[in-house]
Amino acid sequence: MSESTEKVHCLIIGSGPAGYTAAIYAARAGMNPVLYSGLQPGGQLTITTDVENYPGYPEGVMGPQMMKDFEEQARRMGADLRWGMASKVDFSSRPFKVEVDEEKWIEAESVIIATGASAKWLGIESEQRLNGYGVSACAVCDGFFFKDKEVAIVGAGDTACEEAMYLAKLCSKVHMIVRRGEMRASKVMQERVMKTHNIQVYWNSETVEILGEKKVDGVIIKNNQTSEVSTIPLSAFFVAIGHQPNSGLFKDYLQLDEQDYIITTPGSSKTNIEGVFACGDVQDKIYRQAVTAAGSGCMAALDAERYLGALEHEVADAAHSNA
């Protein structure tokens, strides 16, 4: 370990609603938090356009602006916000050690992980070009903007089925594109989809291209069995093929579930290592909303505050015993 190793009370890895909220609470509690923003400061919301379901923004807000507001509030509270990415961690002993940008080491008494999750994409050019302009990986976030219009969703798991049914309540028709001749979703979810009158399922089908210059106008799909190519006019294209939590950095130390989400003690942000906490989408595969991520960021800061308070009492008691 370098002589220039920086020592901090509370280190927050990642930004977004969870990281920034943790920073706000930790700063107000006098924990002098240091936050490293990661590769995508502000997280997935920086590639989201209109956000209308976050409380406190009655007129709605653009995702990047909302994250800027979170950032400015955290900074005003006294949080030390920095550019940089955690490149290595050592949670084998306390203080915990975190390498930033492969060049600087930090020793932290407590660590809050808010590295989020990344949506899985199909990998076609038009998908990325139209992301935020009719292409979305969150039907609950963006479905409202396409009320009474035709939309498509690609996916075959429980999440895809849930989102298809959510869209069916808002949209005139939902075109559901399924790559195989069957779904991965549970039987009950499949039955609900098949009974929904305005969901049309396209089996054995793949997306060839999403049409549109400045907004989604349609999609071209191909049937893998017949090679038939179809063009479907629509206003939005939702991708529901899963998310990948950004947890790889911690796999040697923290317990992950079968999908690589960090496991936290129910009702808390505590991981299997005392003093290391996780919040936001890196540990939440169910809700994945900005408001729930912010709530769990608050929980992580409060959990860390209690942990650090108990540590200080231990140190004080030990000093008193040795006196």
Protein backbone atom coordinates (compact mmCIF):
# COMPACT_ATOMS: atom_id res chain seq x y z
CA MET A 1 0.00 0.00 0.00
CA SER A 2 1.34 3.41 -1.00
CA GLU A 3 2.35 5.97 1.59
CA SER A 4 -0.07 8.39 -0.09
CA THR A 5 -3.09 6.20 0.69
CA GLU A 6 -6.04 8.44 1.57
CA LYS A 7 -8.10 7.60 4.63
CA VAL A 8 -11.83 8.30 4.61
CA HIS A 9 -14.72 7.69 7.00
CA CYS A 10 -17.33 6.76 4.42
CA LEU A 11 -16.63 5.90 0.79
CA ILE A 12 -19.51 5.76 -1.72
CA ILE A 13 -18.82 3.88 -4.95
CA GLY A 14 -21.18 4.98 -7.72
CA SER A 15 -23.63 7.80 -8.27
CA GLY A 16 -27.21 7.82 -9.52
CA PRO A 17 -30.20 8.27 -7.18
CA ALA A 18 -28.86 5.72 -4.66
CA GLY A 19 -25.30 7.05 -4.47
CA TYR A 20 -26.26 10.73 -4.38
CA THR A 21 -28.96 10.17 -1.74
CA ALA A 22 -26.48 8.21 0.38
CA ALA A 23 -24.06 11.13 0.00
CA ILE A 24 -26.72 13.66 1.08
CA TYR A 25 -27.60 11.72 4.23
CA ALA A 26 -24.00 10.82 5.07
CA ALA A 27 -22.86 14.43 4.68
CA ARG A 28 -25.67 15.74 6.89
CA ALA A 29 -24.69 13.17 9.52
CA GLY A 30 -21.13 14.50 9.61
CA MET A 31 -19.59 11.38 8.05
CA ASN A 32 -17.54 13.38 5.50
CA PRO A 33 -18.43 11.05 2.61
CA VAL A 34 -16.27 10.76 -0.48
CA LEU A 35 -18.17 9.65 -3.60
CA TYR A 36 -16.61 8.38 -6.81
CA SER A 37 -19.09 8.73 -9.64
CA GLY A 38 -18.02 5.83 -11.88
CA LEU A 39 -18.09 5.65 -15.67
CA GLN A 40 -21.62 7.04 -15.95
CA PRO A 41 -22.12 9.84 -13.41
CA GLY A 42 -25.81 9.91 -12.60
CA GLY A 43 -26.34 6.31 -13.71
CA GLN A 44 -29.07 5.09 -16.06
CA LEU A 45 -31.13 8.25 -15.59
CA THR A 46 -28.61 10.21 -17.63
CA ILE A 47 -29.79 8.31 -20.73
CA THR A 48 -33.46 8.80 -19.83
CA THR A 49 -35.41 11.72 -21.28
CA ASP A 50 -38.62 12.66 -19.42
CA VAL A 51 -39.11 11.49 -15.84
CA GLU A 52 -42.69 12.05 -14.70
CA ASN A 53 -43.04 9.60 -11.82
CA TYR A 54 -40.52 11.03 -9.33
CA PRO A 55 -42.19 12.98 -6.48
CA GLY A 56 -41.39 16.67 -6.26
CA TYR A 57 -41.28 17.36 -10.00
CA PRO A 58 -44.92 18.19 -10.82
CA GLU A 59 -44.08 19.17 -14.40
CA GLY A 60 -41.73 16.23 -14.91
CA VAL A 61 -37.98 16.55 -15.40
CA MET A 62 -35.34 15.37 -17.82
CA GLY A 63 -33.26 12.50 -16.40
CA PRO A 64 -29.88 14.29 -16.74
CA GLN A 65 -31.28 17.44 -15.07
CA MET A 66 -32.69 15.41 -12.19
CA MET A 67 -29.30 13.80 -11.58
CA LYS A 68 -27.67 17.23 -11.74
CA ASP A 69 -30.11 18.39 -9.04
CA PHE A 70 -29.22 15.37 -6.88
CA GLU A 71 -25.52 16.03 -7.39
CA GLU A 72 -25.78 19.72 -6.51
CA GLN A 73 -27.75 18.92 -3.35
CA ALA A 74 -25.15 16.37 -2.24
CA ARG A 75 -22.38 18.88 -2.92
CA ARG A 76 -24.21 21.62 -0.98
CA MET A 77 -24.49 19.29 2.01
CA GLY A 78 -20.71 18.92 2.00
CA ALA A 79 -20.18 15.60 0.22
CA ASP A 80 -16.85 15.29 -1.59
CA LEU A 81 -17.92 14.27 -5.12
CA ARG A 82 -15.19 13.12 -7.48
CA TRP A 83 -14.75 11.77 -10.96
CA GLY A 84 -13.23 8.31 -10.97
CA MET A 85 -13.96 4.63 -10.99
CA ALA A 86 -13.19 1.92 -8.46
CA SER A 87 -10.86 -0.55 -10.18
CA LYS A 88 -10.06 -2.99 -7.36
CA VAL A 89 -11.23 -3.68 -3.80
CA ASP A 90 -9.91 -5.52 -0.77
CA PHE A 91 -12.59 -6.13 1.85
CA SER A 92 -10.61 -8.83 3.70
CA SER A 93 -9.90 -6.57 6.68
CA ARG A 94 -10.73 -3.15 8.06
CA PRO A 95 -10.11 -0.45 7.02
CA PHE A 96 -11.44 -1.53 3.62
CA LYS A 97 -9.17 -0.80 0.68
CA VAL A 98 -10.40 0.49 -2.68
CA GLU A 99 -8.24 1.32 -5.68
CA VAL A 100 -9.46 4.18 -7.88
CA ASP A 101 -8.60 4.45 -11.60
CA GLU A 102 -5.87 1.81 -11.14
CA GLU A 103 -3.57 4.37 -9.52
CA LYS A 104 -4.76 5.56 -6.11
CA TRP A 105 -5.71 3.59 -3.00
CA ILE A 106 -8.26 4.69 -0.42
CA GLU A 107 -8.74 3.20 3.05
CA ALA A 108 -12.32 3.48 4.23
CA GLU A 109 -13.93 2.75 7.58
CA SER A 110 -17.22 2.08 5.76
CA VAL A 111 -18.16 1.52 2.12
CA ILE A 112 -21.50 2.11 0.39
CA ILE A 113 -21.83 0.40 -2.99
CA ALA A 114 -24.20 2.12 -5.44
CA THR A 115 -22.83 0.89 -8.76
CA GLY A 116 -26.26 0.16 -10.26
CA ALA A 117 -27.13 -2.20 -13.07
CA SER A 118 -26.92 -1.96 -16.83
CA ALA A 119 -29.79 -2.90 -19.10
CA LYS A 120 -29.00 -5.67 -21.56
CA TRP A 121 -29.50 -4.54 -25.14
CA LEU A 122 -29.95 -6.35 -28.43
CA GLY A 123 -26.83 -4.77 -29.89
CA ILE A 124 -28.20 -3.18 -33.05
CA GLU A 125 -27.21 0.32 -34.17
CA SER A 126 -30.72 1.78 -34.38
CA GLU A 127 -31.43 0.65 -30.80
CA GLN A 128 -28.69 2.87 -29.41
CA ARG A 129 -29.35 5.75 -31.83
CA LEU A 130 -33.02 5.93 -30.82
CA ASN A 131 -32.45 5.25 -27.11
CA GLY A 132 -34.53 7.85 -25.30
CA TYR A 133 -36.49 8.65 -28.46
CA GLY A 134 -38.91 5.75 -28.34
CA VAL A 135 -36.44 3.01 -27.41
CA SER A 136 -36.45 2.21 -23.69
CA ALA A 137 -35.45 -0.54 -21.27
CA CYS A 138 -38.12 0.45 -18.74
CA ALA A 139 -41.81 0.18 -19.62
CA VAL A 140 -42.90 1.39 -16.17
CA CYS A 141 -40.74 4.52 -16.61
CA ASP A 142 -41.68 5.40 -20.18
CA GLY A 143 -44.86 3.55 -21.16
CA PHE A 144 -47.09 6.48 -20.17
CA PHE A 145 -45.66 8.61 -23.00
CA PHE A 146 -47.14 6.21 -25.56
CA LYS A 147 -50.70 6.05 -24.28
CA ASP A 148 -53.17 4.79 -26.90
CA LYS A 149 -50.35 4.04 -29.37
CA GLU A 150 -48.92 0.78 -30.71
CA VAL A 151 -45.66 -0.38 -29.14
CA ALA A 152 -43.38 -3.43 -29.23
CA ILE A 153 -41.56 -5.25 -26.46
CA VAL A 154 -38.83 -7.86 -26.85
CA GLY A 155 -38.24 -10.49 -24.17
CA ALA A 156 -39.55 -13.80 -22.85
CA GLY A 157 -39.10 -13.77 -19.08
CA ASP A 158 -41.37 -12.77 -16.21
CA THR A 159 -40.24 -9.14 -16.43
CA ALA A 160 -41.05 -8.98 -20.15
CA CYS A 161 -44.51 -10.45 -19.46
CA GLU A 162 -45.16 -8.01 -16.60
CA GLU A 163 -44.08 -5.06 -18.72
CA ALA A 164 -46.14 -6.26 -21.70
CA MET A 165 -49.24 -6.40 -19.51
CA TYR A 166 -48.44 -2.99 -18.03
CA LEU A 167 -48.15 -1.55 -21.54
CA ALA A 168 -51.36 -3.29 -22.61
CA LYS A 169 -53.29 -1.21 -20.06
CA LEU A 170 -51.96 2.01 -21.60
CA CYS A 171 -51.36 1.29 -25.26
CA SER A 172 -53.76 0.34 -28.05
CA LYS A 173 -51.67 -2.70 -29.00
CA VAL A 174 -48.51 -4.43 -27.76
CA HIS A 175 -46.41 -6.46 -30.20
CA MET A 176 -44.37 -8.95 -28.13
CA ILE A 177 -41.31 -10.36 -29.89
CA VAL A 178 -40.10 -13.74 -28.58
CA ARG A 179 -36.89 -15.28 -29.96
CA ARG A 180 -37.84 -18.92 -29.38
CA GLY A 181 -41.01 -20.95 -29.73
CA GLU A 182 -41.62 -20.70 -25.99
CA MET A 183 -41.15 -18.24 -23.13
CA ARG A 184 -38.90 -18.51 -20.08
CA ALA A 185 -41.58 -16.86 -17.97
CA SER A 186 -43.56 -18.75 -15.36
CA LYS A 187 -46.67 -20.54 -16.58
CA VAL A 188 -49.04 -18.14 -14.81
CA MET A 189 -47.36 -15.10 -16.40
CA GLN A 190 -47.54 -16.68 -19.86
CA GLU A 191 -51.23 -17.42 -19.41
CA ARG A 192 -51.93 -13.83 -18.42
CA VAL A 193 -50.15 -12.55 -21.53
CA MET A 194 -52.00 -14.94 -23.83
CA LYS A 195 -55.35 -13.89 -22.32
CA THR A 196 -54.67 -10.17 -22.82
CA HIS A 197 -56.59 -9.25 -25.95
CA ASN A 198 -54.31 -6.47 -27.19
CA ILE A 199 -50.99 -8.33 -26.87
CA GLN A 200 -49.87 -10.11 -30.02
CA VAL A 201 -46.97 -12.55 -29.60
CA TYR A 202 -44.53 -13.18 -32.46
CA TRP A 203 -42.85 -16.54 -31.82
CA ASN A 204 -39.41 -17.54 -33.17
CA SER A 205 -38.80 -13.93 -34.14
CA GLU A 206 -35.85 -11.57 -33.95
CA THR A 207 -35.53 -7.83 -34.34
CA VAL A 208 -33.72 -6.88 -37.53
CA GLU A 209 -33.98 -3.10 -37.33
CA ILE A 210 -35.83 -0.36 -35.45
CA LEU A 211 -37.17 2.19 -37.92
CA GLY A 212 -37.12 5.95 -37.51
CA GLU A 213 -34.78 8.92 -37.85
CA LYS A 214 -35.54 11.09 -34.82
CA LYS A 215 -38.15 8.87 -33.18
CA VAL A 216 -39.32 5.28 -33.45
CA ASP A 217 -41.64 4.71 -36.42
CA GLY A 218 -41.65 0.92 -36.61
CA VAL A 219 -39.69 -2.30 -36.40
CA ILE A 220 -38.58 -4.96 -38.87
CA ILE A 221 -38.69 -8.51 -37.51
CA LYS A 222 -37.72 -11.85 -39.03
CA ASN A 223 -39.24 -15.26 -38.33
CA ASN A 224 -36.35 -17.67 -37.73
CA GLN A 225 -38.30 -20.68 -38.97
CA THR A 226 -39.87 -19.32 -42.14
CA SER A 227 -37.37 -16.47 -42.81
CA GLU A 228 -40.38 -14.22 -43.37
CA VAL A 229 -39.62 -10.54 -42.78
CA SER A 230 -42.35 -8.23 -41.44
CA THR A 231 -42.55 -4.50 -40.84
CA ILE A 232 -44.70 -3.33 -37.93
CA PRO A 233 -45.54 0.39 -37.61
CA LEU A 234 -45.32 1.54 -33.98
CA SER A 235 -44.32 4.43 -31.71
CA ALA A 236 -42.06 2.80 -29.13
CA PHE A 237 -39.79 -0.21 -28.72
CA PHE A 238 -39.14 -1.65 -25.24
CA VAL A 239 -36.27 -4.01 -24.46
CA ALA A 240 -36.91 -6.42 -21.59
CA ILE A 241 -34.18 -9.02 -21.90
CA GLY A 242 -32.77 -8.40 -18.45
CA HIS A 243 -30.31 -6.28 -16.51
CA GLN A 244 -26.74 -6.97 -15.47
CA PRO A 245 -25.85 -5.66 -12.00
CA ASN A 246 -22.47 -3.93 -11.88
CA SER A 247 -21.18 -6.18 -9.11
CA GLY A 248 -18.23 -7.98 -10.69
CA LEU A 249 -15.71 -5.91 -8.76
CA PHE A 250 -17.01 -7.30 -5.46
CA LYS A 251 -17.59 -10.98 -6.28
CA ASP A 252 -14.56 -12.22 -4.33
CA TYR A 253 -15.87 -10.71 -1.10
CA LEU A 254 -19.63 -10.21 -1.20
CA GLN A 255 -22.41 -12.76 -1.50
CA LEU A 256 -24.18 -12.50 -4.85
CA ASP A 257 -27.34 -14.27 -5.97
CA GLU A 258 -27.60 -16.44 -9.09
CA GLN A 259 -28.06 -13.31 -11.23
CA ASP A 260 -25.07 -11.53 -9.62
CA TYR A 261 -27.12 -9.05 -7.58
CA ILE A 262 -25.51 -8.23 -4.21
CA ILE A 263 -27.43 -9.96 -1.42
CA THR A 264 -28.43 -7.64 1.42
CA THR A 265 -30.09 -8.49 4.71
CA PRO A 266 -33.86 -8.01 4.21
CA GLY A 267 -34.98 -4.62 5.50
CA SER A 268 -31.45 -3.19 5.42
CA SER A 269 -28.53 -2.42 3.15
CA LYS A 270 -26.13 -4.70 5.03
CA THR A 271 -24.02 -7.17 3.06
CA ASN A 272 -22.26 -10.25 4.42
CA ILE A 273 -19.30 -8.03 5.39
CA GLU A 274 -19.91 -5.78 8.37
CA GLY A 275 -19.26 -2.19 7.36
CA VAL A 276 -19.96 -2.70 3.64
CA PHE A 277 -23.41 -1.68 2.44
CA ALA A 278 -25.18 -1.91 -0.93
CA CYS A 279 -28.06 0.14 -2.30
CA GLY A 280 -29.89 0.81 -5.55
CA ASP A 281 -30.08 -1.41 -8.60
CA VAL A 282 -26.93 -3.38 -7.81
CA GLN A 283 -28.99 -5.14 -5.12
CA ASP A 284 -32.56 -4.58 -6.32
CA LYS A 285 -33.80 -6.76 -9.18
CA ILE A 286 -37.49 -6.26 -8.41
CA TYR A 287 -38.36 -2.55 -8.46
CA ARG A 288 -35.49 -0.78 -10.25
CA GLN A 289 -37.02 2.69 -9.95
CA ALA A 290 -35.31 5.99 -9.19
CA VAL A 291 -37.45 6.53 -6.11
CA THR A 292 -36.72 3.09 -4.63
CA ALA A 293 -33.01 3.51 -5.40
CA ALA A 294 -33.02 6.85 -3.57
CA GLY A 295 -34.81 5.25 -0.61
CA SER A 296 -32.23 2.48 -0.38
CA GLY A 297 -29.45 5.07 -0.58
CA CYS A 298 -30.95 6.70 2.50
CA MET A 299 -31.03 3.29 4.23
CA ALA A 300 -27.37 2.66 3.39
CA ALA A 301 -26.27 6.01 4.83
CA LEU A 302 -28.26 5.43 8.03
CA ASP A 303 -26.88 1.89 8.35
CA ALA A 304 -23.34 3.19 7.82
CA GLU A 305 -23.89 5.98 10.37
CA ARG A 306 -24.98 3.44 13.00
CA TYR A 307 -22.08 1.16 12.16
CA LEU A 308 -19.51 3.97 12.45
CA GLY A 309 -21.12 5.17 15.69
CA ALA A 310 -20.80 1.69 17.19
CA LEU A 311 -17.16 1.53 16.03
CA GLU A 312 -16.35 4.82 17.74
CA HIS A 313 -17.89 3.55 20.99
CA GLU A 314 -15.77 0.37 20.74
CA VAL A 315 -12.60 2.41 20.26
CA ALA A 316 -13.52 4.73 23.14
CA ASP A 317 -14.31 1.78 25.43
CA ALA A 318 -11.02 0.09 24.52
CA ALA A 319 -9.08 3.29 25.25
CA HIS A 320 -10.88 3.68 28.57
CA SER A 321 -10.06 0.06 29.52
CA ASN A 322 -6.38 0.57 28.75
CA ALA A 323 -6.16 3.84 30.62
